Amino acid sequence: MALTPEDVLNKTFTQTQFRRGYDEREVDDFLDEVVAEMRRMVKDSEDLRARAADGGSAAAPAAAAATGGSAKADEALTRENRDLRARLEDLRARFDKETAARTAAERRVAELEQSLKSRDEQVKGDDAKVTKAQQGADERIATVNARAQEAEDSAQQRIQAANAAADKAEADAKARQEAAAKSGASEDASVGQMAAAAAGGGAGATGLIALAQRLHDEHVAEGTTQRDKLIAEAQRKHDELVSTGQSKHDDLIATGQSKHDEFIKTGQGKRDQFIGEGTTQRDKLISDAQTKSTTMVSEAEAQRKKVLDDLNAQKSRLESQIADLTTYERDFRRKLKDFIGSQLKGLDSTSSVAPEVSAKS
């Protein structure tokens, strides 16, 4: 189809969806149409030159000067067309280069977003580690508390065993005292029965009772001493175990809390640092990409406008030259026709100069 300057000026392209700019295929198709139209115009110009050259060969003396001027104009037109094609190729190469740069910037932004995502996952992993460490500290504290409770229960059992042993010793002493009292009573009965026979037997019974009472007091005192000793030993061990367990419990709680706070602080600091660095780098890349994209779009628009203006100017010149060649062809045909007509009229009006042939000969 014929391409007019208004078509080039009013041409619009489809906006792309995922990046700023126009559809590359539509731009390429439009540039192909422009090139095809320029080639058609060049071919028409060459045809006109060929027709003008054919017409000039019939009347070279009359159109020598016009032909020389037309040849120079054709050479200038060919040179301008060649320059215009070179500029179109350069524009297409720059457009491809800018498209590749924009694609690289978008790829870099995607890589940065992926890096931020991996850093967020790493921060989540650090939070999980901190939570796990806190759970481990809680488990160790629970273990220490259980051990302290077991030690306290063991001390209580030993105290109860000591009390039972003391009670048993006291019961044994009482049993021995009762046995001694029974033996003394039986001896008193026998002594009462034998009092008449042996008056000196009362002194032996009294000694036996005193011996039994002394043995009873010794057993009671020994049982009481043993009980107090066992109770004191059990209480000392109980207090020692409770003190050791409480000290370990406090140390483990302090250590676990310190590590927990340290892990929390370190993880939070790293997380904030990673997020800050990633956000700064992402904003910088996005800003650079947007600035570069805006600059590239502005340059492309300016270059496009300049090329379109140049194309319109070239087309106007070509149309003017074509109009001049058409006028020149029409005038040349008219002059050639007039020249040929005048020559034919001259031939018709000129008398014949051939000698007459006699009938005799």
Protein backbone atom coordinates (compact mmCIF):
# COMPACT_ATOMS: atom_id res chain seq x y z
CA MET A 1 0.00 0.00 0.00
CA ALA A 2 1.09 3.65 -0.50
CA LEU A 3 2.66 5.15 2.67
CA THR A 4 1.94 8.84 3.24
CA PRO A 5 3.62 11.23 5.72
CA GLU A 6 0.35 11.35 7.65
CA ASP A 7 0.48 7.55 8.08
CA VAL A 8 3.97 7.79 9.56
CA LEU A 9 3.03 10.73 11.77
CA ASN A 10 -0.20 9.14 13.10
CA LYS A 11 1.17 5.61 13.53
CA THR A 12 0.57 4.15 17.04
CA PHE A 13 1.94 0.98 18.63
CA THR A 14 0.59 -1.36 21.30
CA GLN A 15 1.94 -0.77 24.79
CA THR A 16 3.76 -3.78 26.28
CA GLN A 17 2.37 -5.41 29.42
CA PHE A 18 5.44 -6.16 31.54
CA ARG A 19 7.80 -3.31 30.65
CA ARG A 20 7.62 0.22 29.34
CA GLY A 21 7.86 0.74 25.60
CA TYR A 22 6.20 -0.52 22.41
CA ASP A 23 5.73 -3.91 20.90
CA GLU A 24 8.97 -4.76 19.12
CA ARG A 25 7.24 -6.76 16.38
CA GLU A 26 4.91 -3.91 15.47
CA VAL A 27 7.82 -1.44 15.35
CA ASP A 28 9.80 -3.83 13.11
CA ASP A 29 6.80 -4.33 10.82
CA PHE A 30 6.26 -0.59 10.52
CA LEU A 31 9.95 -0.01 9.76
CA ASP A 32 9.72 -2.74 7.10
CA GLU A 33 6.77 -0.93 5.57
CA VAL A 34 8.75 2.34 5.56
CA VAL A 35 11.71 0.60 3.90
CA ALA A 36 9.42 -1.05 1.31
CA GLU A 37 7.80 2.31 0.51
CA MET A 38 11.21 3.96 0.16
CA ARG A 39 12.37 1.18 -2.15
CA ARG A 40 9.23 1.60 -4.24
CA MET A 41 9.84 5.34 -4.48
CA VAL A 42 13.47 4.74 -5.45
CA LYS A 43 12.38 2.27 -8.09
CA ASP A 44 9.81 4.71 -9.47
CA SER A 45 12.49 7.37 -9.58
CA GLU A 46 14.85 5.01 -11.39
CA ASP A 47 12.08 4.13 -13.86
CA LEU A 48 11.48 7.81 -14.51
CA ARG A 49 15.19 8.35 -15.01
CA ALA A 50 15.35 5.40 -17.40
CA ARG A 51 12.36 6.70 -19.37
CA ALA A 52 13.86 10.16 -19.41
CA ALA A 53 17.16 8.69 -20.61
CA ASP A 54 15.33 6.76 -23.38
CA GLY A 55 13.54 9.91 -24.48
CA GLY A 56 16.76 11.87 -24.43
CA SER A 57 18.55 9.36 -26.69
CA ALA A 58 16.05 10.22 -29.44
CA ALA A 59 16.84 13.92 -29.17
CA ALA A 60 20.22 14.13 -27.46
CA PRO A 61 21.20 17.54 -28.76
CA ALA A 62 18.00 19.13 -27.49
CA ALA A 63 18.08 17.62 -23.96
CA ALA A 64 21.81 17.31 -23.16
CA ALA A 65 21.79 20.02 -20.52
CA ALA A 66 18.58 18.74 -18.88
CA THR A 67 19.91 15.19 -18.83
CA GLY A 68 23.11 16.24 -17.09
CA GLY A 69 21.12 18.08 -14.42
CA SER A 70 18.80 15.10 -13.97
CA ALA A 71 21.77 12.74 -13.60
CA LYS A 72 23.21 14.89 -10.84
CA ALA A 73 19.84 15.05 -9.12
CA ASP A 74 19.49 11.26 -9.39
CA GLU A 75 22.94 10.73 -7.91
CA ALA A 76 22.10 13.04 -5.01
CA LEU A 77 18.77 11.25 -4.50
CA THR A 78 20.47 7.84 -4.53
CA ARG A 79 23.07 9.05 -2.05
CA GLU A 80 20.36 10.43 0.27
CA ASN A 81 18.42 7.17 0.06
CA ARG A 82 21.55 5.22 0.93
CA ASP A 83 22.21 7.48 3.92
CA LEU A 84 18.60 7.15 5.03
CA ARG A 85 18.76 3.34 4.88
CA ALA A 86 22.00 3.41 6.89
CA ARG A 87 20.34 5.61 9.51
CA LEU A 88 17.38 3.23 9.68
CA GLU A 89 19.70 0.27 10.22
CA ASP A 90 21.56 2.18 12.93
CA LEU A 91 18.28 3.06 14.63
CA ARG A 92 17.18 -0.58 14.53
CA ALA A 93 20.52 -1.68 16.05
CA ARG A 94 20.21 0.91 18.83
CA PHE A 95 16.65 -0.21 19.49
CA ASP A 96 17.78 -3.85 19.80
CA LYS A 97 20.61 -2.81 22.12
CA GLU A 98 18.29 -0.80 24.36
CA THR A 99 15.81 -3.68 24.45
CA ALA A 100 18.59 -6.06 25.54
CA ALA A 101 19.72 -3.59 28.23
CA ARG A 102 16.15 -3.27 29.52
CA THR A 103 15.80 -7.07 29.62
CA ALA A 104 19.08 -7.32 31.57
CA ALA A 105 17.83 -4.72 34.07
CA GLU A 106 14.57 -6.63 34.57
CA ARG A 107 16.54 -9.85 35.03
CA ARG A 108 18.71 -8.11 37.65
CA VAL A 109 15.62 -6.90 39.51
CA ALA A 110 14.23 -10.46 39.51
CA GLU A 111 17.57 -11.79 40.87
CA LEU A 112 17.51 -9.14 43.62
CA GLU A 113 13.97 -10.10 44.61
CA GLN A 114 15.05 -13.76 44.72
CA SER A 115 18.03 -12.79 46.94
CA LEU A 116 15.72 -10.89 49.29
CA LYS A 117 13.45 -13.92 49.45
CA SER A 118 16.39 -16.22 50.32
CA ARG A 119 17.52 -13.77 53.00
CA ASP A 120 14.04 -13.73 54.50
CA GLU A 121 14.12 -17.52 54.56
CA GLN A 122 17.54 -17.39 56.27
CA VAL A 123 16.15 -14.98 58.89
CA LYS A 124 13.24 -17.37 59.45
CA GLY A 125 15.78 -20.18 59.90
CA ASP A 126 17.65 -18.08 62.50
CA ASP A 127 14.37 -17.46 64.33
CA ALA A 128 13.71 -21.22 64.29
CA LYS A 129 17.21 -21.85 65.72
CA VAL A 130 16.59 -19.29 68.47
CA THR A 131 13.25 -20.94 69.27
CA LYS A 132 14.93 -24.36 69.33
CA ALA A 133 17.68 -23.09 71.63
CA GLN A 134 15.07 -21.61 73.94
CA GLN A 135 13.21 -24.93 74.00
CA GLY A 136 16.48 -26.73 74.79
CA ALA A 137 17.17 -24.33 77.66
CA ASP A 138 13.63 -24.86 78.99
CA GLU A 139 14.11 -28.64 78.78
CA ARG A 140 17.42 -28.44 80.66
CA ILE A 141 15.80 -26.25 83.33
CA ALA A 142 12.96 -28.78 83.64
CA THR A 143 15.55 -31.59 83.96
CA VAL A 144 17.40 -29.72 86.73
CA ASN A 145 14.12 -29.06 88.53
CA ALA A 146 13.24 -32.76 88.28
CA ARG A 147 16.65 -33.75 89.66
CA ALA A 148 16.30 -31.27 92.52
CA GLN A 149 12.84 -32.66 93.27
CA GLU A 150 14.25 -36.21 93.20
CA ALA A 151 17.04 -35.17 95.60
CA GLU A 152 14.53 -33.57 97.93
CA ASP A 153 12.31 -36.68 97.82
CA SER A 154 15.36 -38.87 98.52
CA ALA A 155 16.29 -36.69 101.50
CA GLN A 156 12.76 -36.89 102.83
CA GLN A 157 12.83 -40.69 102.45
CA ARG A 158 16.14 -40.85 104.30
CA ILE A 159 14.76 -38.62 107.08
CA GLN A 160 11.71 -40.82 107.32
CA ALA A 161 13.98 -43.91 107.45
CA ALA A 162 16.06 -42.28 110.21
CA ASN A 163 12.91 -41.43 112.18
CA ALA A 164 11.67 -44.99 111.75
CA ALA A 165 15.04 -46.34 112.91
CA ALA A 166 14.96 -44.02 115.94
CA ASP A 167 11.39 -45.08 116.73
CA LYS A 168 12.43 -48.70 116.38
CA ALA A 169 15.41 -48.19 118.72
CA GLU A 170 13.17 -46.49 121.25
CA ALA A 171 10.64 -49.35 121.01
CA ASP A 172 13.45 -51.87 121.46
CA ALA A 173 14.64 -49.99 124.54
CA LYS A 174 11.13 -49.96 125.97
CA ALA A 175 10.77 -53.68 125.26
CA ARG A 176 14.05 -54.34 126.96
CA GLN A 177 12.97 -52.18 129.92
CA GLU A 178 9.68 -54.05 130.18
CA ALA A 179 11.52 -57.36 129.96
CA ALA A 180 13.89 -56.21 132.68
CA ALA A 181 10.94 -55.07 134.82
CA LYS A 182 9.23 -58.43 134.36
CA SER A 183 12.40 -60.27 135.28
CA GLY A 184 12.78 -58.03 138.34
CA ALA A 185 9.19 -58.72 139.41
CA SER A 186 9.69 -62.43 139.10
CA GLU A 187 12.85 -62.20 141.09
CA ASP A 188 10.98 -60.16 143.77
CA ALA A 189 8.36 -62.87 144.00
CA SER A 190 10.96 -65.55 144.35
CA VAL A 191 12.85 -63.45 146.87
CA GLY A 192 9.60 -62.94 148.90
CA GLN A 193 9.09 -66.67 148.89
CA MET A 194 12.67 -67.28 149.90
CA ALA A 195 12.90 -64.34 152.31
CA ALA A 196 12.42 -66.51 155.29
CA ALA A 197 15.13 -68.96 154.21
CA ALA A 198 17.79 -66.49 153.26
CA ALA A 199 17.68 -63.04 154.66
CA GLY A 200 20.80 -61.95 152.68
CA GLY A 201 19.07 -62.58 149.24
CA GLY A 202 17.38 -59.08 149.20
CA ALA A 203 20.67 -57.38 148.45
CA GLY A 204 21.22 -59.50 145.23
CA ALA A 205 17.72 -58.72 143.85
CA THR A 206 18.23 -55.02 144.37
CA GLY A 207 21.51 -55.18 142.42
CA LEU A 208 19.84 -57.01 139.56
CA ILE A 209 17.10 -54.40 139.32
CA ALA A 210 19.67 -51.62 139.31
CA LEU A 211 21.60 -53.41 136.55
CA ALA A 212 18.44 -53.78 134.46
CA GLN A 213 17.57 -50.11 134.96
CA ARG A 214 21.07 -49.09 133.92
CA LEU A 215 20.95 -51.26 130.83
CA HIS A 216 17.57 -49.76 129.93
CA ASP A 217 18.86 -46.21 130.32
CA GLU A 218 21.92 -47.02 128.20
CA HIS A 219 19.79 -48.49 125.41
CA VAL A 220 17.39 -45.52 125.45
CA ALA A 221 20.26 -43.01 125.44
CA GLU A 222 22.00 -44.91 122.61
CA GLY A 223 18.80 -45.04 120.53
CA THR A 224 18.13 -41.34 121.10
CA THR A 225 21.71 -40.46 120.15
CA GLN A 226 21.59 -42.63 117.04
CA ARG A 227 18.24 -41.13 116.02
CA ASP A 228 19.49 -37.57 116.49
CA LYS A 229 22.62 -38.40 114.57
CA LEU A 230 20.69 -39.93 111.65
CA ILE A 231 18.23 -37.02 111.62
CA ALA A 232 21.07 -34.49 111.63
CA GLU A 233 22.93 -36.37 108.84
CA ALA A 234 19.79 -36.65 106.72
CA GLN A 235 18.96 -32.96 107.26
CA ARG A 236 22.52 -31.96 106.31
CA LYS A 237 22.43 -34.04 103.13
CA HIS A 238 18.97 -32.74 102.32
CA ASP A 239 20.11 -29.14 102.75
CA GLU A 240 23.25 -29.83 100.69
CA LEU A 241 21.32 -31.46 97.84
CA VAL A 242 18.69 -28.74 97.85
CA SER A 243 21.38 -26.03 97.85
CA THR A 244 23.32 -27.73 95.02
CA GLY A 245 20.17 -28.27 92.96
CA GLN A 246 19.02 -24.69 93.48
CA SER A 247 22.46 -23.35 92.51
CA LYS A 248 22.56 -25.47 89.34
CA HIS A 249 18.98 -24.51 88.61
CA ASP A 250 19.79 -20.80 88.93
CA ASP A 251 22.98 -21.17 86.85
CA LEU A 252 21.18 -23.02 84.07
CA ILE A 253 18.31 -20.53 84.06
CA ALA A 254 20.75 -17.60 83.92
CA THR A 255 22.83 -19.27 81.18
CA GLY A 256 19.74 -20.23 79.15
CA GLN A 257 18.25 -16.75 79.47
CA SER A 258 21.57 -15.15 78.49
CA LYS A 259 21.94 -17.38 75.43
CA HIS A 260 18.30 -16.85 74.54
CA ASP A 261 18.68 -13.06 74.73
CA GLU A 262 21.94 -13.25 72.77
CA PHE A 263 20.38 -15.40 70.04
CA ILE A 264 17.34 -13.13 69.84
CA LYS A 265 19.50 -10.01 69.66
CA THR A 266 21.89 -11.49 67.07
CA GLY A 267 19.08 -12.87 64.91
CA GLN A 268 17.14 -9.61 65.05
CA GLY A 269 20.27 -7.61 64.19
CA LYS A 270 21.11 -9.83 61.23
CA ARG A 271 17.52 -9.79 60.06
CA ASP A 272 17.34 -5.99 60.23
CA GLN A 273 20.73 -5.71 58.51
CA PHE A 274 19.76 -8.09 55.70
CA ILE A 275 16.39 -6.41 55.21
CA GLY A 276 17.99 -2.96 55.21
CA GLU A 277 20.71 -3.92 52.75
CA GLY A 278 18.27 -5.76 50.49
CA THR A 279 15.75 -2.93 50.54
CA THR A 280 18.42 -0.33 49.81
CA GLN A 281 19.90 -2.36 46.97
CA ARG A 282 16.46 -3.16 45.55
CA ASP A 283 15.40 0.50 45.65
CA LYS A 284 18.68 1.53 44.05
CA LEU A 285 18.37 -1.01 41.25
CA ILE A 286 14.73 -0.15 40.66
CA SER A 287 15.55 3.57 40.63
CA ASP A 288 18.48 3.03 38.26
CA ALA A 289 16.37 0.81 36.02
CA GLN A 290 13.53 3.32 35.97
CA THR A 291 15.90 6.21 35.28
CA LYS A 292 17.65 4.28 32.54
CA SER A 293 14.33 3.12 31.11
CA THR A 294 12.98 6.67 31.12
CA THR A 295 16.16 7.94 29.49
CA MET A 296 16.09 5.19 26.89
CA VAL A 297 12.41 5.79 26.13
CA SER A 298 13.03 9.54 25.86
CA GLU A 299 16.00 8.99 23.57
CA ALA A 300 14.05 6.49 21.50
CA GLU A 301 11.11 8.87 21.22
CA ALA A 302 13.42 11.74 20.27
CA GLN A 303 15.25 9.54 17.76
CA ARG A 304 11.94 8.26 16.42
CA LYS A 305 10.63 11.82 16.02
CA LYS A 306 13.86 12.87 14.37
CA VAL A 307 13.79 9.90 11.99
CA LEU A 308 10.14 10.51 11.18
CA ASP A 309 10.87 14.18 10.53
CA ASP A 310 13.80 13.18 8.33
CA LEU A 311 11.62 10.64 6.53
CA ASN A 312 8.91 13.21 5.99
CA ALA A 313 11.48 15.70 4.70
CA GLN A 314 13.05 13.05 2.45
CA LYS A 315 9.66 12.00 1.21
CA SER A 316 8.70 15.61 0.52
CA ARG A 317 11.92 16.10 -1.42
CA LEU A 318 11.34 12.86 -3.30
CA GLU A 319 7.78 13.84 -4.12
CA SER A 320 8.99 17.26 -5.26
CA GLN A 321 11.71 15.67 -7.41
CA ILE A 322 9.19 13.15 -8.80
CA ALA A 323 6.84 16.00 -9.62
CA ASP A 324 9.70 17.86 -11.30
CA LEU A 325 10.66 14.74 -13.26
CA THR A 326 7.03 14.22 -14.25
CA THR A 327 6.80 17.82 -15.42
CA TYR A 328 10.11 17.46 -17.18
CA GLU A 329 8.92 14.27 -18.90
CA ARG A 330 5.68 15.89 -19.98
CA ASP A 331 7.51 18.96 -21.33
CA PHE A 332 10.11 16.79 -23.01
CA ARG A 333 7.44 14.65 -24.68
CA ARG A 334 5.61 17.78 -25.81
CA LYS A 335 8.81 19.34 -27.20
CA LEU A 336 9.80 16.06 -28.83
CA LYS A 337 6.38 15.75 -30.42
CA ASP A 338 6.52 19.33 -31.65
CA PHE A 339 10.05 18.75 -32.96
CA ILE A 340 9.07 15.58 -34.79
CA GLY A 341 5.91 17.27 -36.14
CA SER A 342 7.90 20.24 -37.40
CA GLN A 343 10.39 17.90 -39.05
CA LEU A 344 7.56 15.97 -40.72
CA LYS A 345 5.98 19.20 -41.90
CA GLY A 346 9.30 20.32 -43.28
CA LEU A 347 9.68 17.08 -45.16
CA ASP A 348 6.20 17.41 -46.58
CA SER A 349 6.75 21.00 -47.72
CA THR A 350 10.15 20.34 -49.26
CA SER A 351 9.99 19.63 -53.03
CA SER A 352 11.47 16.48 -54.34
CA VAL A 353 15.05 16.86 -55.54
CA ALA A 354 15.24 13.47 -57.23
CA PRO A 355 15.94 13.61 -61.10
CA GLU A 356 13.07 12.84 -63.39
CA VAL A 357 13.38 9.61 -65.34
CA SER A 358 12.35 9.80 -69.08
CA ALA A 359 10.08 7.25 -70.60
CA LYS A 360 12.69 6.39 -73.21
CA SER A 361 15.20 5.34 -70.79
